[in-house]
Amino acid sequence: MKKASIILSATLLTLAFVKCKPAAEDRFKMHENAKRISDSIGRTIDAAMAEVAIQPKAVADTTKPKAK
């Protein structure tokens, strides 16, 4: 009897988890929000990196032969 009640309760819990997942529309909306937030974080990081980027003042020309 104890074994049967364990199997029955496990089955009921499994069905409860399967039935309680978000609907397709909710999942689509969650994915849209996650993509929007991810893009926003990416833009913020890119802007911060652009602010601290060191711009070179002059580029050395190493293709010319040295004068003797």
Protein backbone atom coordinates (compact mmCIF):
# COMPACT_ATOMS: atom_id res chain seq x y z
CA MET A 1 0.00 0.00 0.00
CA LYS A 2 2.86 2.37 0.84
CA LYS A 3 4.44 1.72 -2.56
CA ALA A 4 1.16 2.48 -4.35
CA SER A 5 0.72 5.78 -2.49
CA ILE A 6 4.28 6.84 -3.37
CA ILE A 7 3.70 6.08 -7.05
CA LEU A 8 0.34 7.86 -7.00
CA SER A 9 1.74 10.98 -5.33
CA ALA A 10 4.73 11.06 -7.72
CA THR A 11 2.35 10.82 -10.67
CA LEU A 12 0.14 13.62 -9.33
CA LEU A 13 3.15 15.89 -8.74
CA THR A 14 4.42 15.21 -12.25
CA LEU A 15 1.04 16.04 -13.76
CA ALA A 16 0.83 19.22 -11.68
CA PHE A 17 4.21 20.42 -12.97
CA VAL A 18 3.33 19.59 -16.57
CA LYS A 19 -0.04 21.33 -16.41
CA CYS A 20 1.27 24.45 -14.66
CA LYS A 21 3.87 25.48 -17.23
CA PRO A 22 3.34 28.87 -18.90
CA ALA A 23 1.20 29.10 -21.99
CA ALA A 24 2.84 29.55 -25.40
CA GLU A 25 1.95 33.26 -25.48
CA ASP A 26 3.50 33.80 -22.07
CA ARG A 27 6.68 32.00 -23.10
CA PHE A 28 6.87 34.08 -26.29
CA LYS A 29 6.48 37.27 -24.26
CA MET A 30 9.15 36.12 -21.78
CA HIS A 31 11.58 35.42 -24.64
CA GLU A 32 10.87 38.85 -26.15
CA ASN A 33 11.54 40.55 -22.81
CA ALA A 34 14.74 38.55 -22.30
CA LYS A 35 16.00 39.50 -25.78
CA ARG A 36 15.17 43.17 -25.20
CA ILE A 37 17.00 43.17 -21.86
CA SER A 38 19.97 41.30 -23.34
CA ASP A 39 20.22 43.81 -26.20
CA SER A 40 19.99 46.70 -23.74
CA ILE A 41 22.81 45.28 -21.61
CA GLY A 42 24.91 44.76 -24.74
CA ARG A 43 24.40 48.37 -25.87
CA THR A 44 25.31 49.65 -22.39
CA ILE A 45 28.53 47.62 -22.34
CA ASP A 46 29.45 48.74 -25.87
CA ALA A 47 28.88 52.39 -24.95
CA ALA A 48 31.01 52.06 -21.80
CA MET A 49 33.81 50.38 -23.75
CA ALA A 50 33.69 53.12 -26.41
CA GLU A 51 34.07 55.81 -23.72
CA VAL A 52 37.27 54.34 -22.32
CA ALA A 53 38.81 53.28 -25.62
CA ILE A 54 42.22 54.85 -26.20
CA GLN A 55 42.46 56.50 -29.57
CA PRO A 56 45.94 56.32 -31.14
CA LYS A 57 47.52 59.73 -31.78
CA ALA A 58 49.76 58.66 -34.63
CA VAL A 59 50.55 55.44 -36.37
CA ALA A 60 54.23 54.68 -36.90
CA ASP A 61 55.16 53.89 -40.48
CA THR A 62 57.43 50.87 -40.28
CA THR A 63 57.54 50.19 -44.03
CA LYS A 64 60.19 52.82 -44.81
CA PRO A 65 63.82 51.71 -44.67
CA LYS A 66 65.92 53.33 -41.96
CA ALA A 67 68.37 56.02 -43.03
CA LYS A 68 72.05 55.24 -42.34
